[in-house]
Amino acid sequence: MRKLAHASVLLLALHPLAEAAKLRVVATIPELVDITQRVGGDLVSVDGLARGTEDIHQVVMKPSFVTKLNRAASVVYLGLTVEHGFMPGLLDVARNPAMRPDPDTLNCLGPGCVDCSAGVRVLEKPESLSRAQGELHPQGNPHYNLNPENGRAIARNIAAGLSRIDPAHAADYEKNLTTYLAELDPKIAEWKELAAPLKGVKAVSYHKDVPYLGAFTGIDFVDTIELKPGVAPTPTHLAELVKKMREQKVSLIVREQQYDAKAPAWLAEQTGAKVAVIGTMANSLPGTETFIKLSEANLKNLLKAAGR
């Protein structure tokens, strides 16, 4: 018993050293926290910034975010300027030489930056950047995390980033990546079969964040409840939308969890379309704490609302 007690004390004493030896990583959104933990395993300690229930365009910044970024060896982010509302300012104040804001792209510069959008086929690159068109992202639509297939690119980019920052454990990160993809790939194949009845279903969404989801499911998104990206709907726009939905026989309304339910509910009453609530980040809906669980929950909610 005495030996056991001594061993326990020794383990407790070494625990802080073990934690200190882990690679400190900050991930901007919950599914990046999830995938970074899966790829990094016991070698990393991951802190998140945005909460899943927030609108990623309006994340509430906290002083603790600066501390996390200052101490981190790496920051993992979606990119394509989707975090532009909070990440550049935080990086500027954090003053971490491994990661600093890029004044041109509003993303991240430095060896600690892991951009998960690398290699993703980007949709909806704007031809012009007029403010009259609403809130635009100059590098293209950044909500690629809503296509489950892009989970592969996200995981690979994270593995490559961690291996670059911590080359001594590159083999471990590659092994963990292989394990994660072996879990994700069969789910993607399963989801593709489940999504087949959604092909050609006409829908409207609240915000213009669903092109990648449409690409995966085959849903034809014909318009948005917002007047323009980031611009609230007007009575005139909603009246015109009702007419358009009736003419085109739109049967599905997709409400992203963070947006108000009133306008979608009113449109449903006027048109007979059904409302599906989806999450745009992990932890946005109950039981969606991982990328895989979020992807599955969104698909099931769409199928249920569409009656498929």
C-alpha atoms as a PDB file:
ATOM      1  CA  MET A   1       0.000   0.000   0.000  1.00  0.00           C
ATOM      2  CA  ARG A   2       2.886   2.320   0.882  1.00  0.00           C
ATOM      3  CA  LYS A   3       4.500   1.692  -2.514  1.00  0.00           C
ATOM      4  CA  LEU A   4       1.187   2.310  -4.241  1.00  0.00           C
ATOM      5  CA  ALA A   5       0.770   5.585  -2.385  1.00  0.00           C
ATOM      6  CA  HIS A   6       4.265   6.706  -3.382  1.00  0.00           C
ATOM      7  CA  ALA A   7       3.538   5.801  -7.008  1.00  0.00           C
ATOM      8  CA  SER A   8       0.294   7.806  -6.949  1.00  0.00           C
ATOM      9  CA  VAL A   9       2.058  10.863  -5.556  1.00  0.00           C
ATOM     10  CA  LEU A  10       4.723  10.563  -8.244  1.00  0.00           C
ATOM     11  CA  LEU A  11       2.107  10.337 -10.999  1.00  0.00           C
ATOM     12  CA  LEU A  12       0.300  13.398  -9.660  1.00  0.00           C
ATOM     13  CA  ALA A  13       3.568  15.300  -9.547  1.00  0.00           C
ATOM     14  CA  LEU A  14       4.375  14.367 -13.151  1.00  0.00           C
ATOM     15  CA  HIS A  15       0.872  15.160 -14.470  1.00  0.00           C
ATOM     16  CA  PRO A  16       1.475  18.916 -14.922  1.00  0.00           C
ATOM     17  CA  LEU A  17       4.712  18.106 -16.747  1.00  0.00           C
ATOM     18  CA  ALA A  18       2.848  15.769 -19.077  1.00  0.00           C
ATOM     19  CA  GLU A  19       0.250  18.463 -19.788  1.00  0.00           C
ATOM     20  CA  ALA A  20       2.971  21.037 -20.388  1.00  0.00           C
ATOM     21  CA  ALA A  21       4.630  18.711 -22.914  1.00  0.00           C
ATOM     22  CA  LYS A  22       1.503  18.587 -25.065  1.00  0.00           C
ATOM     23  CA  LEU A  23       1.280  20.772 -28.143  1.00  0.00           C
ATOM     24  CA  ARG A  24      -1.091  23.629 -27.358  1.00  0.00           C
ATOM     25  CA  VAL A  25      -3.574  24.225 -30.163  1.00  0.00           C
ATOM     26  CA  VAL A  26      -6.472  26.650 -30.542  1.00  0.00           C
ATOM     27  CA  ALA A  27      -9.299  25.770 -32.932  1.00  0.00           C
ATOM     28  CA  THR A  28     -11.829  28.397 -33.928  1.00  0.00           C
ATOM     29  CA  ILE A  29     -15.000  26.256 -34.044  1.00  0.00           C
ATOM     30  CA  PRO A  30     -16.175  23.089 -32.259  1.00  0.00           C
ATOM     31  CA  GLU A  31     -15.815  20.612 -35.141  1.00  0.00           C
ATOM     32  CA  LEU A  32     -12.229  21.736 -35.640  1.00  0.00           C
ATOM     33  CA  VAL A  33     -11.662  21.116 -31.935  1.00  0.00           C
ATOM     34  CA  ASP A  34     -13.109  17.630 -32.436  1.00  0.00           C
ATOM     35  CA  ILE A  35     -11.066  16.715 -35.507  1.00  0.00           C
ATOM     36  CA  THR A  36      -7.862  18.232 -34.083  1.00  0.00           C
ATOM     37  CA  GLN A  37      -8.288  16.132 -30.959  1.00  0.00           C
ATOM     38  CA  ARG A  38      -8.827  13.031 -33.075  1.00  0.00           C
ATOM     39  CA  VAL A  39      -5.781  13.677 -35.259  1.00  0.00           C
ATOM     40  CA  GLY A  40      -3.574  14.996 -32.452  1.00  0.00           C
ATOM     41  CA  GLY A  41      -4.536  12.371 -29.894  1.00  0.00           C
ATOM     42  CA  ASP A  42      -2.654  12.465 -26.617  1.00  0.00           C
ATOM     43  CA  LEU A  43       0.011  14.701 -28.141  1.00  0.00           C
ATOM     44  CA  VAL A  44      -2.140  17.834 -28.218  1.00  0.00           C
ATOM     45  CA  SER A  45      -4.186  19.994 -25.889  1.00  0.00           C
ATOM     46  CA  VAL A  46      -6.948  21.774 -27.814  1.00  0.00           C
ATOM     47  CA  ASP A  47      -8.898  24.889 -26.808  1.00  0.00           C
ATOM     48  CA  GLY A  48     -11.873  26.205 -28.766  1.00  0.00           C
ATOM     49  CA  LEU A  49     -13.157  29.741 -29.373  1.00  0.00           C
ATOM     50  CA  ALA A  50     -16.636  29.941 -30.924  1.00  0.00           C
ATOM     51  CA  ARG A  51     -19.569  28.146 -29.334  1.00  0.00           C
ATOM     52  CA  GLY A  52     -21.652  25.980 -31.629  1.00  0.00           C
ATOM     53  CA  THR A  53     -24.828  27.937 -30.951  1.00  0.00           C
ATOM     54  CA  GLU A  54     -23.287  31.228 -32.088  1.00  0.00           C
ATOM     55  CA  ASP A  55     -23.390  32.814 -35.517  1.00  0.00           C
ATOM     56  CA  ILE A  56     -19.789  32.471 -36.706  1.00  0.00           C
ATOM     57  CA  HIS A  57     -20.061  35.957 -38.205  1.00  0.00           C
ATOM     58  CA  GLN A  58     -20.851  37.401 -34.766  1.00  0.00           C
ATOM     59  CA  VAL A  59     -18.738  35.468 -32.272  1.00  0.00           C
ATOM     60  CA  VAL A  60     -18.488  37.178 -28.876  1.00  0.00           C
ATOM     61  CA  MET A  61     -14.826  37.732 -28.089  1.00  0.00           C
ATOM     62  CA  LYS A  62     -13.529  37.081 -24.573  1.00  0.00           C
ATOM     63  CA  PRO A  63     -10.242  38.106 -22.887  1.00  0.00           C
ATOM     64  CA  SER A  64      -9.476  34.414 -22.356  1.00  0.00           C
ATOM     65  CA  PHE A  65      -9.250  33.972 -26.138  1.00  0.00           C
ATOM     66  CA  VAL A  66      -6.210  36.248 -26.233  1.00  0.00           C
ATOM     67  CA  THR A  67      -4.464  34.213 -23.542  1.00  0.00           C
ATOM     68  CA  LYS A  68      -5.181  30.968 -25.368  1.00  0.00           C
ATOM     69  CA  LEU A  69      -3.783  32.294 -28.640  1.00  0.00           C
ATOM     70  CA  ASN A  70      -0.752  33.823 -26.963  1.00  0.00           C
ATOM     71  CA  ARG A  71       0.267  30.471 -25.455  1.00  0.00           C
ATOM     72  CA  ALA A  72      -0.621  28.278 -28.438  1.00  0.00           C
ATOM     73  CA  ALA A  73       1.783  26.700 -30.898  1.00  0.00           C
ATOM     74  CA  SER A  74      -0.916  26.596 -33.540  1.00  0.00           C
ATOM     75  CA  VAL A  75      -4.331  27.946 -34.510  1.00  0.00           C
ATOM     76  CA  VAL A  76      -6.635  25.763 -36.638  1.00  0.00           C
ATOM     77  CA  TYR A  77      -9.305  27.669 -38.582  1.00  0.00           C
ATOM     78  CA  LEU A  78     -11.806  27.274 -41.431  1.00  0.00           C
ATOM     79  CA  GLY A  79     -10.391  30.168 -43.434  1.00  0.00           C
ATOM     80  CA  LEU A  80     -11.887  31.880 -46.513  1.00  0.00           C
ATOM     81  CA  THR A  81     -12.390  34.868 -44.152  1.00  0.00           C
ATOM     82  CA  VAL A  82     -15.304  33.247 -42.305  1.00  0.00           C
ATOM     83  CA  GLU A  83     -13.604  34.082 -38.988  1.00  0.00           C
ATOM     84  CA  HIS A  84     -12.837  37.660 -40.060  1.00  0.00           C
ATOM     85  CA  GLY A  85     -15.161  39.123 -37.420  1.00  0.00           C
ATOM     86  CA  PHE A  86     -13.022  37.945 -34.528  1.00  0.00           C
ATOM     87  CA  MET A  87      -9.764  36.200 -35.465  1.00  0.00           C
ATOM     88  CA  PRO A  88      -7.666  39.071 -36.925  1.00  0.00           C
ATOM     89  CA  GLY A  89      -8.256  41.277 -33.884  1.00  0.00           C
ATOM     90  CA  LEU A  90      -7.482  38.468 -31.467  1.00  0.00           C
ATOM     91  CA  LEU A  91      -4.278  37.525 -33.287  1.00  0.00           C
ATOM     92  CA  ASP A  92      -3.188  41.148 -33.304  1.00  0.00           C
ATOM     93  CA  VAL A  93      -3.612  41.497 -29.528  1.00  0.00           C
ATOM     94  CA  ALA A  94      -2.226  38.032 -28.719  1.00  0.00           C
ATOM     95  CA  ARG A  95       1.164  38.964 -30.220  1.00  0.00           C
ATOM     96  CA  ASN A  96       2.198  35.381 -30.875  1.00  0.00           C
ATOM     97  CA  PRO A  97       5.066  35.310 -33.392  1.00  0.00           C
ATOM     98  CA  ALA A  98       3.851  31.952 -34.697  1.00  0.00           C
ATOM     99  CA  MET A  99       0.553  33.443 -35.860  1.00  0.00           C
ATOM    100  CA  ARG A 100      -0.399  36.965 -36.859  1.00  0.00           C
ATOM    101  CA  PRO A 101      -3.211  38.534 -38.885  1.00  0.00           C
ATOM    102  CA  ASP A 102      -2.758  38.890 -42.611  1.00  0.00           C
ATOM    103  CA  PRO A 103      -3.863  42.448 -43.503  1.00  0.00           C
ATOM    104  CA  ASP A 104      -4.722  41.398 -47.054  1.00  0.00           C
ATOM    105  CA  THR A 105      -6.672  38.152 -46.610  1.00  0.00           C
ATOM    106  CA  LEU A 106      -7.840  38.630 -42.986  1.00  0.00           C
ATOM    107  CA  ASN A 107      -6.655  35.081 -42.300  1.00  0.00           C
ATOM    108  CA  CYS A 108      -3.444  34.075 -40.560  1.00  0.00           C
ATOM    109  CA  LEU A 109       0.267  34.368 -41.293  1.00  0.00           C
ATOM    110  CA  GLY A 110       3.026  32.392 -39.599  1.00  0.00           C
ATOM    111  CA  PRO A 111       4.221  28.833 -39.036  1.00  0.00           C
ATOM    112  CA  GLY A 112       1.488  28.129 -36.481  1.00  0.00           C
ATOM    113  CA  CYS A 113      -1.387  28.790 -38.899  1.00  0.00           C
ATOM    114  CA  VAL A 114      -3.377  25.745 -40.071  1.00  0.00           C
ATOM    115  CA  ASP A 115      -5.895  26.734 -42.758  1.00  0.00           C
ATOM    116  CA  CYS A 116      -8.370  23.881 -43.163  1.00  0.00           C
ATOM    117  CA  SER A 117      -9.675  25.191 -46.492  1.00  0.00           C
ATOM    118  CA  ALA A 118      -6.521  24.233 -48.408  1.00  0.00           C
ATOM    119  CA  GLY A 119      -7.458  21.987 -51.320  1.00  0.00           C
ATOM    120  CA  VAL A 120     -11.220  22.444 -50.893  1.00  0.00           C
ATOM    121  CA  ARG A 121     -13.174  23.135 -54.092  1.00  0.00           C
ATOM    122  CA  VAL A 122     -14.487  26.584 -53.226  1.00  0.00           C
ATOM    123  CA  LEU A 123     -17.963  27.584 -54.414  1.00  0.00           C
ATOM    124  CA  GLU A 124     -19.488  30.986 -55.148  1.00  0.00           C
ATOM    125  CA  LYS A 125     -16.405  33.132 -55.594  1.00  0.00           C
ATOM    126  CA  PRO A 126     -17.818  36.655 -56.076  1.00  0.00           C
ATOM    127  CA  GLU A 127     -17.193  38.458 -59.353  1.00  0.00           C
ATOM    128  CA  SER A 128     -17.325  41.815 -57.566  1.00  0.00           C
ATOM    129  CA  LEU A 129     -17.102  42.956 -53.954  1.00  0.00           C
ATOM    130  CA  SER A 130     -19.711  45.694 -53.914  1.00  0.00           C
ATOM    131  CA  ARG A 131     -21.102  46.370 -50.441  1.00  0.00           C
ATOM    132  CA  ALA A 132     -24.500  46.692 -52.088  1.00  0.00           C
ATOM    133  CA  GLN A 133     -24.526  42.906 -52.429  1.00  0.00           C
ATOM    134  CA  GLY A 134     -24.430  42.421 -48.667  1.00  0.00           C
ATOM    135  CA  GLU A 135     -21.767  40.650 -46.607  1.00  0.00           C
ATOM    136  CA  LEU A 136     -19.487  38.899 -49.094  1.00  0.00           C
ATOM    137  CA  HIS A 137     -16.416  36.722 -48.675  1.00  0.00           C
ATOM    138  CA  PRO A 138     -13.827  37.648 -51.305  1.00  0.00           C
ATOM    139  CA  GLN A 139     -12.299  34.152 -51.447  1.00  0.00           C
ATOM    140  CA  GLY A 140     -15.643  32.401 -51.941  1.00  0.00           C
ATOM    141  CA  ASN A 141     -18.336  30.839 -49.775  1.00  0.00           C
ATOM    142  CA  PRO A 142     -16.595  29.694 -46.566  1.00  0.00           C
ATOM    143  CA  HIS A 143     -19.200  27.268 -45.191  1.00  0.00           C
ATOM    144  CA  TYR A 144     -17.599  24.188 -46.727  1.00  0.00           C
ATOM    145  CA  ASN A 145     -17.829  22.365 -43.383  1.00  0.00           C
ATOM    146  CA  LEU A 146     -21.500  21.647 -44.183  1.00  0.00           C
ATOM    147  CA  ASN A 147     -20.473  19.163 -46.867  1.00  0.00           C
ATOM    148  CA  PRO A 148     -19.476  15.947 -45.031  1.00  0.00           C
ATOM    149  CA  GLU A 149     -17.013  15.066 -47.787  1.00  0.00           C
ATOM    150  CA  ASN A 150     -14.931  18.110 -46.882  1.00  0.00           C
ATOM    151  CA  GLY A 151     -14.229  16.496 -43.516  1.00  0.00           C
ATOM    152  CA  ARG A 152     -11.505  14.572 -45.304  1.00  0.00           C
ATOM    153  CA  ALA A 153      -9.713  17.739 -46.415  1.00  0.00           C
ATOM    154  CA  ILE A 154     -10.118  19.279 -42.975  1.00  0.00           C
ATOM    155  CA  ALA A 155      -8.567  16.256 -41.274  1.00  0.00           C
ATOM    156  CA  ARG A 156      -5.721  16.027 -43.778  1.00  0.00           C
ATOM    157  CA  ASN A 157      -4.910  19.720 -43.434  1.00  0.00           C
ATOM    158  CA  ILE A 158      -4.849  19.393 -39.651  1.00  0.00           C
ATOM    159  CA  ALA A 159      -2.543  16.369 -39.837  1.00  0.00           C
ATOM    160  CA  ALA A 160      -0.224  18.194 -42.233  1.00  0.00           C
ATOM    161  CA  GLY A 161      -0.196  21.284 -40.016  1.00  0.00           C
ATOM    162  CA  LEU A 162       0.542  19.396 -36.813  1.00  0.00           C
ATOM    163  CA  SER A 163       3.272  17.410 -38.572  1.00  0.00           C
ATOM    164  CA  ARG A 164       4.868  20.622 -39.812  1.00  0.00           C
ATOM    165  CA  ILE A 165       4.818  22.189 -36.361  1.00  0.00           C
ATOM    166  CA  ASP A 166       5.798  19.000 -34.530  1.00  0.00           C
ATOM    167  CA  PRO A 167       7.760  16.874 -37.041  1.00  0.00           C
ATOM    168  CA  ALA A 168       8.999  14.489 -34.359  1.00  0.00           C
ATOM    169  CA  HIS A 169       5.469  13.069 -34.090  1.00  0.00           C
ATOM    170  CA  ALA A 170       4.487  13.225 -37.763  1.00  0.00           C
ATOM    171  CA  ALA A 171       4.044   9.452 -37.922  1.00  0.00           C
ATOM    172  CA  ASP A 172       1.648   9.563 -34.975  1.00  0.00           C
ATOM    173  CA  TYR A 173      -0.470  12.266 -36.581  1.00  0.00           C
ATOM    174  CA  GLU A 174      -0.579  10.323 -39.837  1.00  0.00           C
ATOM    175  CA  LYS A 175      -1.645   7.175 -37.998  1.00  0.00           C
ATOM    176  CA  ASN A 176      -4.412   9.037 -36.177  1.00  0.00           C
ATOM    177  CA  LEU A 177      -5.536  10.588 -39.466  1.00  0.00           C
ATOM    178  CA  THR A 178      -5.822   7.141 -41.037  1.00  0.00           C
ATOM    179  CA  THR A 179      -7.894   5.941 -38.092  1.00  0.00           C
ATOM    180  CA  TYR A 180     -10.222   8.942 -38.311  1.00  0.00           C
ATOM    181  CA  LEU A 181     -10.732   8.614 -42.068  1.00  0.00           C
ATOM    182  CA  ALA A 182     -11.471   4.913 -41.627  1.00  0.00           C
ATOM    183  CA  GLU A 183     -14.402   6.019 -39.460  1.00  0.00           C
ATOM    184  CA  LEU A 184     -15.490   8.962 -41.627  1.00  0.00           C
ATOM    185  CA  ASP A 185     -15.357   7.334 -45.076  1.00  0.00           C
ATOM    186  CA  PRO A 186     -18.008   4.631 -44.426  1.00  0.00           C
ATOM    187  CA  LYS A 187     -20.292   7.270 -42.902  1.00  0.00           C
ATOM    188  CA  ILE A 188     -19.971   9.437 -46.031  1.00  0.00           C
ATOM    189  CA  ALA A 189     -20.926   6.468 -48.210  1.00  0.00           C
ATOM    190  CA  GLU A 190     -23.911   5.772 -45.941  1.00  0.00           C
ATOM    191  CA  TRP A 191     -25.009   9.426 -45.986  1.00  0.00           C
ATOM    192  CA  LYS A 192     -24.828   9.572 -49.784  1.00  0.00           C
ATOM    193  CA  GLU A 193     -27.310   6.708 -50.006  1.00  0.00           C
ATOM    194  CA  LEU A 194     -29.579   8.296 -47.397  1.00  0.00           C
ATOM    195  CA  ALA A 195     -29.472  11.666 -49.191  1.00  0.00           C
ATOM    196  CA  ALA A 196     -30.498  10.254 -52.576  1.00  0.00           C
ATOM    197  CA  PRO A 197     -34.234  11.060 -52.114  1.00  0.00           C
ATOM    198  CA  LEU A 198     -33.343  14.722 -51.517  1.00  0.00           C
ATOM    199  CA  LYS A 199     -31.975  15.232 -55.020  1.00  0.00           C
ATOM    200  CA  GLY A 200     -33.999  17.879 -56.832  1.00  0.00           C
ATOM    201  CA  VAL A 201     -35.994  18.963 -53.789  1.00  0.00           C
ATOM    202  CA  LYS A 202     -36.443  22.739 -54.005  1.00  0.00           C
ATOM    203  CA  ALA A 203     -35.669  24.721 -50.873  1.00  0.00           C
ATOM    204  CA  VAL A 204     -34.908  28.126 -49.424  1.00  0.00           C
ATOM    205  CA  SER A 205     -32.464  28.730 -46.588  1.00  0.00           C
ATOM    206  CA  TYR A 206     -32.218  31.604 -44.150  1.00  0.00           C
ATOM    207  CA  HIS A 207     -28.606  32.540 -44.978  1.00  0.00           C
ATOM    208  CA  LYS A 208     -26.503  31.809 -48.033  1.00  0.00           C
ATOM    209  CA  ASP A 209     -24.416  29.207 -46.231  1.00  0.00           C
ATOM    210  CA  VAL A 210     -25.824  26.029 -47.800  1.00  0.00           C
ATOM    211  CA  PRO A 211     -24.232  25.629 -51.275  1.00  0.00           C
ATOM    212  CA  TYR A 212     -21.898  22.889 -50.024  1.00  0.00           C
ATOM    213  CA  LEU A 213     -24.773  21.143 -48.290  1.00  0.00           C
ATOM    214  CA  GLY A 214     -26.730  21.406 -51.533  1.00  0.00           C
ATOM    215  CA  ALA A 215     -23.811  19.932 -53.463  1.00  0.00           C
ATOM    216  CA  PHE A 216     -23.786  16.886 -51.182  1.00  0.00           C
ATOM    217  CA  THR A 217     -27.531  16.290 -50.884  1.00  0.00           C
ATOM    218  CA  GLY A 218     -28.717  17.436 -54.314  1.00  0.00           C
ATOM    219  CA  ILE A 219     -31.161  19.904 -52.744  1.00  0.00           C
ATOM    220  CA  ASP A 220     -31.850  22.834 -55.082  1.00  0.00           C
ATOM    221  CA  PHE A 221     -31.637  26.005 -52.993  1.00  0.00           C
ATOM    222  CA  VAL A 222     -33.465  28.686 -54.985  1.00  0.00           C
ATOM    223  CA  ASP A 223     -33.315  31.687 -52.624  1.00  0.00           C
ATOM    224  CA  THR A 224     -32.693  32.933 -49.090  1.00  0.00           C
ATOM    225  CA  ILE A 225     -34.931  34.433 -46.435  1.00  0.00           C
ATOM    226  CA  GLU A 226     -32.335  37.158 -45.920  1.00  0.00           C
ATOM    227  CA  LEU A 227     -32.669  39.960 -48.439  1.00  0.00           C
ATOM    228  CA  LYS A 228     -28.915  39.755 -49.018  1.00  0.00           C
ATOM    229  CA  PRO A 229     -26.141  38.014 -47.041  1.00  0.00           C
ATOM    230  CA  GLY A 230     -26.211  39.558 -43.570  1.00  0.00           C
ATOM    231  CA  VAL A 231     -29.231  41.760 -44.383  1.00  0.00           C
ATOM    232  CA  ALA A 232     -32.524  40.987 -42.595  1.00  0.00           C
ATOM    233  CA  PRO A 233     -35.593  40.232 -44.730  1.00  0.00           C
ATOM    234  CA  THR A 234     -38.050  43.011 -45.517  1.00  0.00           C
ATOM    235  CA  PRO A 235     -41.835  42.549 -45.815  1.00  0.00           C
ATOM    236  CA  THR A 236     -41.564  43.133 -49.554  1.00  0.00           C
ATOM    237  CA  HIS A 237     -38.870  40.469 -49.930  1.00  0.00           C
ATOM    238  CA  LEU A 238     -40.876  37.947 -47.905  1.00  0.00           C
ATOM    239  CA  ALA A 239     -43.990  38.588 -50.016  1.00  0.00           C
ATOM    240  CA  GLU A 240     -41.975  38.070 -53.197  1.00  0.00           C
ATOM    241  CA  LEU A 241     -40.441  34.943 -51.704  1.00  0.00           C
ATOM    242  CA  VAL A 242     -43.885  33.475 -50.996  1.00  0.00           C
ATOM    243  CA  LYS A 243     -44.820  34.028 -54.644  1.00  0.00           C
ATOM    244  CA  LYS A 244     -41.577  32.458 -55.857  1.00  0.00           C
ATOM    245  CA  MET A 245     -41.943  29.454 -53.566  1.00  0.00           C
ATOM    246  CA  ARG A 246     -45.489  28.814 -54.772  1.00  0.00           C
ATOM    247  CA  GLU A 247     -44.527  29.169 -58.424  1.00  0.00           C
ATOM    248  CA  GLN A 248     -41.507  26.864 -58.115  1.00  0.00           C
ATOM    249  CA  LYS A 249     -43.229  24.452 -55.715  1.00  0.00           C
ATOM    250  CA  VAL A 250     -40.613  24.895 -52.997  1.00  0.00           C
ATOM    251  CA  SER A 251     -41.363  22.312 -50.330  1.00  0.00           C
ATOM    252  CA  LEU A 252     -38.505  22.814 -47.869  1.00  0.00           C
ATOM    253  CA  ILE A 253     -37.328  25.704 -45.692  1.00  0.00           C
ATOM    254  CA  VAL A 254     -33.925  25.308 -44.057  1.00  0.00           C
ATOM    255  CA  ARG A 255     -33.441  27.349 -40.901  1.00  0.00           C
ATOM    256  CA  GLU A 256     -29.944  27.480 -39.549  1.00  0.00           C
ATOM    257  CA  GLN A 257     -30.205  27.083 -35.761  1.00  0.00           C
ATOM    258  CA  GLN A 258     -28.756  30.504 -34.913  1.00  0.00           C
ATOM    259  CA  TYR A 259     -31.385  32.449 -36.874  1.00  0.00           C
ATOM    260  CA  ASP A 260     -34.823  33.583 -35.690  1.00  0.00           C
ATOM    261  CA  ALA A 261     -37.652  31.100 -36.250  1.00  0.00           C
ATOM    262  CA  LYS A 262     -40.437  33.624 -36.968  1.00  0.00           C
ATOM    263  CA  ALA A 263     -39.861  34.291 -40.662  1.00  0.00           C
ATOM    264  CA  PRO A 264     -39.367  30.594 -41.563  1.00  0.00           C
ATOM    265  CA  ALA A 265     -42.517  29.675 -39.609  1.00  0.00           C
ATOM    266  CA  TRP A 266     -44.522  32.393 -41.396  1.00  0.00           C
ATOM    267  CA  LEU A 267     -43.271  31.239 -44.790  1.00  0.00           C
ATOM    268  CA  ALA A 268     -44.243  27.682 -43.919  1.00  0.00           C
ATOM    269  CA  GLU A 269     -47.769  28.825 -43.089  1.00  0.00           C
ATOM    270  CA  GLN A 270     -48.065  30.733 -46.359  1.00  0.00           C
ATOM    271  CA  THR A 271     -46.650  28.050 -48.640  1.00  0.00           C
ATOM    272  CA  GLY A 272     -47.122  24.693 -46.934  1.00  0.00           C
ATOM    273  CA  ALA A 273     -43.373  24.053 -47.010  1.00  0.00           C
ATOM    274  CA  LYS A 274     -41.820  22.219 -44.076  1.00  0.00           C
ATOM    275  CA  VAL A 275     -39.031  23.640 -41.896  1.00  0.00           C
ATOM    276  CA  ALA A 276     -35.808  21.735 -41.247  1.00  0.00           C
ATOM    277  CA  VAL A 277     -33.499  23.089 -38.544  1.00  0.00           C
ATOM    278  CA  ILE A 278     -29.795  22.463 -39.145  1.00  0.00           C
ATOM    279  CA  GLY A 279     -26.595  23.383 -37.356  1.00  0.00           C
ATOM    280  CA  THR A 280     -23.745  25.239 -39.024  1.00  0.00           C
ATOM    281  CA  MET A 281     -21.223  24.242 -36.374  1.00  0.00           C
ATOM    282  CA  ALA A 282     -20.833  21.263 -34.072  1.00  0.00           C
ATOM    283  CA  ASN A 283     -22.568  21.652 -30.701  1.00  0.00           C
ATOM    284  CA  SER A 284     -25.269  23.781 -32.339  1.00  0.00           C
ATOM    285  CA  LEU A 285     -27.930  21.124 -31.826  1.00  0.00           C
ATOM    286  CA  PRO A 286     -28.287  18.509 -29.061  1.00  0.00           C
ATOM    287  CA  GLY A 287     -25.984  15.545 -29.629  1.00  0.00           C
ATOM    288  CA  THR A 288     -23.874  17.218 -32.313  1.00  0.00           C
ATOM    289  CA  GLU A 289     -20.596  17.645 -30.473  1.00  0.00           C
ATOM    290  CA  THR A 290     -18.511  16.130 -33.301  1.00  0.00           C
ATOM    291  CA  PHE A 291     -18.221  16.712 -37.037  1.00  0.00           C
ATOM    292  CA  ILE A 292     -19.667  13.271 -37.751  1.00  0.00           C
ATOM    293  CA  LYS A 293     -22.616  13.733 -35.403  1.00  0.00           C
ATOM    294  CA  LEU A 294     -23.365  17.198 -36.822  1.00  0.00           C
ATOM    295  CA  SER A 295     -23.311  15.917 -40.399  1.00  0.00           C
ATOM    296  CA  GLU A 296     -25.622  13.030 -39.539  1.00  0.00           C
ATOM    297  CA  ALA A 297     -28.067  15.163 -37.539  1.00  0.00           C
ATOM    298  CA  ASN A 298     -28.354  17.716 -40.338  1.00  0.00           C
ATOM    299  CA  LEU A 299     -29.072  15.025 -42.910  1.00  0.00           C
ATOM    300  CA  LYS A 300     -31.695  13.345 -40.736  1.00  0.00           C
ATOM    301  CA  ASN A 301     -33.432  16.673 -40.053  1.00  0.00           C
ATOM    302  CA  LEU A 302     -33.533  17.445 -43.780  1.00  0.00           C
ATOM    303  CA  LEU A 303     -34.942  14.023 -44.644  1.00  0.00           C
ATOM    304  CA  LYS A 304     -37.596  14.240 -41.938  1.00  0.00           C
ATOM    305  CA  ALA A 305     -38.794  17.694 -42.994  1.00  0.00           C
ATOM    306  CA  ALA A 306     -38.797  16.725 -46.661  1.00  0.00           C
ATOM    307  CA  GLY A 307     -40.837  13.617 -45.885  1.00  0.00           C
ATOM    308  CA  ARG A 308     -38.213  11.343 -47.395  1.00  0.00           C
END
